C-alpha atoms as a PDB file:
ATOM      1  CA  UNK A   1     -27.158 -46.476  26.945  1.00  0.00           C
ATOM      2  CA  UNK A   2     -29.364 -44.301  24.766  1.00  0.00           C
ATOM      3  CA  UNK A   3     -32.576 -42.828  26.117  1.00  0.00           C
ATOM      4  CA  UNK A   4     -33.894 -42.192  22.617  1.00  0.00           C
ATOM      5  CA  UNK A   5     -37.172 -43.850  21.719  1.00  0.00           C
ATOM      6  CA  UNK A   6     -37.018 -46.497  18.988  1.00  0.00           C
ATOM      7  CA  UNK A   7     -39.014 -44.195  16.690  1.00  0.00           C
ATOM      8  CA  UNK A   8     -36.584 -41.309  17.145  1.00  0.00           C
ATOM      9  CA  UNK A   9     -33.678 -43.649  16.389  1.00  0.00           C
ATOM     10  CA  UNK A  10     -35.498 -44.752  13.228  1.00  0.00           C
ATOM     11  CA  UNK A  11     -35.928 -41.077  12.252  1.00  0.00           C
ATOM     12  CA  UNK A  12     -32.188 -40.549  12.776  1.00  0.00           C
ATOM     13  CA  UNK A  13     -31.403 -43.519  10.539  1.00  0.00           C
ATOM     14  CA  UNK A  14     -33.691 -42.126   7.834  1.00  0.00           C
ATOM     15  CA  UNK A  15     -31.641 -38.915   7.933  1.00  0.00           C
ATOM     16  CA  UNK A  16     -28.501 -41.069   7.668  1.00  0.00           C
ATOM     17  CA  UNK A  17     -29.929 -42.779   4.561  1.00  0.00           C
ATOM     18  CA  UNK A  18     -30.484 -39.394   2.928  1.00  0.00           C
ATOM     19  CA  UNK A  19     -26.966 -38.280   3.849  1.00  0.00           C
ATOM     20  CA  UNK A  20     -25.483 -41.464   2.377  1.00  0.00           C
ATOM     21  CA  UNK A  21     -27.445 -41.071  -0.847  1.00  0.00           C
ATOM     22  CA  UNK A  22     -26.225 -37.493  -1.148  1.00  0.00           C
ATOM     23  CA  UNK A  23     -22.602 -38.485  -0.475  1.00  0.00           C
ATOM     24  CA  UNK A  24     -22.848 -41.160  -3.158  1.00  0.00           C
ATOM     25  CA  UNK A  25     -24.347 -38.634  -5.606  1.00  0.00           C
ATOM     26  CA  UNK A  26     -27.489 -40.756  -5.786  1.00  0.00           C
ATOM     27  CA  UNK A  27     -29.834 -38.026  -4.530  1.00  0.00           C
ATOM     28  CA  UNK A  28     -32.028 -36.659  -7.321  1.00  0.00           C
ATOM     29  CA  UNK A  29     -32.735 -32.947  -7.592  1.00  0.00           C
ATOM     30  CA  UNK A  30     -36.023 -33.586  -9.392  1.00  0.00           C
ATOM     31  CA  UNK A  31     -38.682 -36.212  -8.679  1.00  0.00           C
ATOM     32  CA  UNK A  32     -39.490 -38.824 -11.310  1.00  0.00           C
ATOM     33  CA  UNK A  33     -42.676 -38.638 -13.337  1.00  0.00           C
ATOM     34  CA  UNK A  34     -45.859 -39.210 -11.338  1.00  0.00           C
ATOM     35  CA  UNK A  35     -46.636 -42.481 -13.135  1.00  0.00           C
ATOM     36  CA  UNK A  36     -43.234 -43.865 -12.068  1.00  0.00           C
ATOM     37  CA  UNK A  37     -44.162 -43.294  -8.427  1.00  0.00           C
ATOM     38  CA  UNK A  38     -47.420 -45.217  -8.814  1.00  0.00           C
ATOM     39  CA  UNK A  39     -45.852 -48.578  -9.575  1.00  0.00           C
ATOM     40  CA  UNK A  40     -47.402 -51.553  -7.836  1.00  0.00           C
ATOM     41  CA  UNK A  41     -44.241 -53.653  -8.086  1.00  0.00           C
ATOM     42  CA  UNK A  42     -42.055 -54.173  -5.015  1.00  0.00           C
ATOM     43  CA  UNK A  43     -39.518 -51.347  -4.748  1.00  0.00           C
ATOM     44  CA  UNK A  44     -41.133 -49.889  -7.922  1.00  0.00           C
ATOM     45  CA  UNK A  45     -38.544 -52.008  -9.705  1.00  0.00           C
ATOM     46  CA  UNK A  46     -40.304 -51.536 -13.025  1.00  0.00           C
ATOM     47  CA  UNK A  47     -40.243 -47.727 -12.970  1.00  0.00           C
ATOM     48  CA  UNK A  48     -37.567 -46.463 -10.565  1.00  0.00           C
ATOM     49  CA  UNK A  49     -33.925 -47.033  -9.766  1.00  0.00           C
ATOM     50  CA  UNK A  50     -33.531 -48.348  -6.218  1.00  0.00           C
ATOM     51  CA  UNK A  51     -32.110 -45.053  -4.960  1.00  0.00           C
ATOM     52  CA  UNK A  52     -35.128 -43.230  -6.431  1.00  0.00           C
ATOM     53  CA  UNK A  53     -37.421 -45.625  -4.590  1.00  0.00           C
ATOM     54  CA  UNK A  54     -35.550 -44.888  -1.354  1.00  0.00           C
ATOM     55  CA  UNK A  55     -35.740 -41.142  -1.898  1.00  0.00           C
ATOM     56  CA  UNK A  56     -39.237 -40.712  -3.247  1.00  0.00           C
ATOM     57  CA  UNK A  57     -41.212 -43.598  -1.730  1.00  0.00           C
ATOM     58  CA  UNK A  58     -39.450 -45.228   1.231  1.00  0.00           C
ATOM     59  CA  UNK A  59     -38.199 -42.142   3.079  1.00  0.00           C
ATOM     60  CA  UNK A  60     -41.412 -40.074   2.744  1.00  0.00           C
ATOM     61  CA  UNK A  61     -43.581 -43.058   3.685  1.00  0.00           C
ATOM     62  CA  UNK A  62     -41.570 -43.847   6.811  1.00  0.00           C
ATOM     63  CA  UNK A  63     -41.483 -40.192   7.856  1.00  0.00           C
ATOM     64  CA  UNK A  64     -45.295 -40.081   7.549  1.00  0.00           C
ATOM     65  CA  UNK A  65     -45.676 -43.264   9.592  1.00  0.00           C
ATOM     66  CA  UNK A  66     -43.450 -41.814  12.316  1.00  0.00           C
ATOM     67  CA  UNK A  67     -45.204 -38.426  12.320  1.00  0.00           C
ATOM     68  CA  UNK A  68     -48.649 -40.001  12.589  1.00  0.00           C
ATOM     69  CA  UNK A  69     -47.595 -42.531  15.201  1.00  0.00           C
ATOM     70  CA  UNK A  70     -48.915 -45.231  12.891  1.00  0.00           C
ATOM     71  CA  UNK A  71     -47.838 -48.844  13.069  1.00  0.00           C
ATOM     72  CA  UNK A  72     -44.553 -49.682  11.410  1.00  0.00           C
ATOM     73  CA  UNK A  73     -44.359 -52.630   9.021  1.00  0.00           C
ATOM     74  CA  UNK A  74     -44.058 -56.045  10.681  1.00  0.00           C
ATOM     75  CA  UNK A  75     -41.009 -56.835   8.597  1.00  0.00           C
ATOM     76  CA  UNK A  76     -38.412 -54.825   6.765  1.00  0.00           C
ATOM     77  CA  UNK A  77     -35.793 -56.147   4.355  1.00  0.00           C
ATOM     78  CA  UNK A  78     -34.454 -53.102   2.557  1.00  0.00           C
ATOM     79  CA  UNK A  79     -30.737 -53.860   3.022  1.00  0.00           C
ATOM     80  CA  UNK A  80     -30.738 -57.068   0.915  1.00  0.00           C
ATOM     81  CA  UNK A  81     -32.373 -55.222  -1.971  1.00  0.00           C
ATOM     82  CA  UNK A  82     -29.814 -52.422  -1.659  1.00  0.00           C
ATOM     83  CA  UNK A  83     -27.000 -54.965  -1.732  1.00  0.00           C
ATOM     84  CA  UNK A  84     -28.512 -56.619  -4.796  1.00  0.00           C
ATOM     85  CA  UNK A  85     -29.084 -53.439  -6.777  1.00  0.00           C
ATOM     86  CA  UNK A  86     -26.466 -50.944  -5.603  1.00  0.00           C
ATOM     87  CA  UNK A  87     -23.869 -53.636  -4.959  1.00  0.00           C
ATOM     88  CA  UNK A  88     -23.503 -54.121  -8.704  1.00  0.00           C
ATOM     89  CA  UNK A  89     -22.149 -50.590  -9.053  1.00  0.00           C
ATOM     90  CA  UNK A  90     -18.649 -49.450  -8.253  1.00  0.00           C
ATOM     91  CA  UNK A  91     -19.752 -47.308  -5.318  1.00  0.00           C
ATOM     92  CA  UNK A  92     -18.618 -47.208  -1.672  1.00  0.00           C
ATOM     93  CA  UNK A  93     -21.991 -48.320  -0.294  1.00  0.00           C
ATOM     94  CA  UNK A  94     -20.895 -49.976   2.972  1.00  0.00           C
ATOM     95  CA  UNK A  95     -22.219 -47.144   5.180  1.00  0.00           C
ATOM     96  CA  UNK A  96     -25.547 -47.033   3.352  1.00  0.00           C
ATOM     97  CA  UNK A  97     -25.964 -50.809   3.632  1.00  0.00           C
ATOM     98  CA  UNK A  98     -25.083 -50.747   7.341  1.00  0.00           C
ATOM     99  CA  UNK A  99     -27.637 -47.993   7.944  1.00  0.00           C
ATOM    100  CA  UNK A 100     -30.328 -49.900   6.032  1.00  0.00           C
ATOM    101  CA  UNK A 101     -29.548 -53.082   7.992  1.00  0.00           C
ATOM    102  CA  UNK A 102     -29.923 -51.119  11.205  1.00  0.00           C
ATOM    103  CA  UNK A 103     -33.220 -49.677   9.950  1.00  0.00           C
ATOM    104  CA  UNK A 104     -34.487 -53.153   9.033  1.00  0.00           C
ATOM    105  CA  UNK A 105     -33.668 -54.339  12.560  1.00  0.00           C
ATOM    106  CA  UNK A 106     -35.211 -51.293  14.261  1.00  0.00           C
ATOM    107  CA  UNK A 107     -38.416 -51.406  12.224  1.00  0.00           C
ATOM    108  CA  UNK A 108     -38.872 -55.120  12.828  1.00  0.00           C
ATOM    109  CA  UNK A 109     -38.331 -54.748  16.586  1.00  0.00           C
ATOM    110  CA  UNK A 110     -40.553 -51.686  17.096  1.00  0.00           C
ATOM    111  CA  UNK A 111     -44.297 -51.622  17.888  1.00  0.00           C
END
């Protein structure tokens, strides 16, 4: 049985997401243009690749929420979007999807 708080487990999973993106060579060395980060579409689908959204919007936003002790979203459904977008590529994404599923579950159950 783990004594880790749900928020610390979420932080660990965020680190796992980054590690998976790096292992899959989906981690960008440079951020996208500022206007691409300001999309109002879900997952910034109109301006970013899904892995860019994870790296430059999702991860930083969740880290800020955790650092501030702010409320987590009521619902999280990142894994299905990852399956839909990254699943079309010939990449070994099983670990990333499993981590995102775990994150979805943890976020939904916390707070």
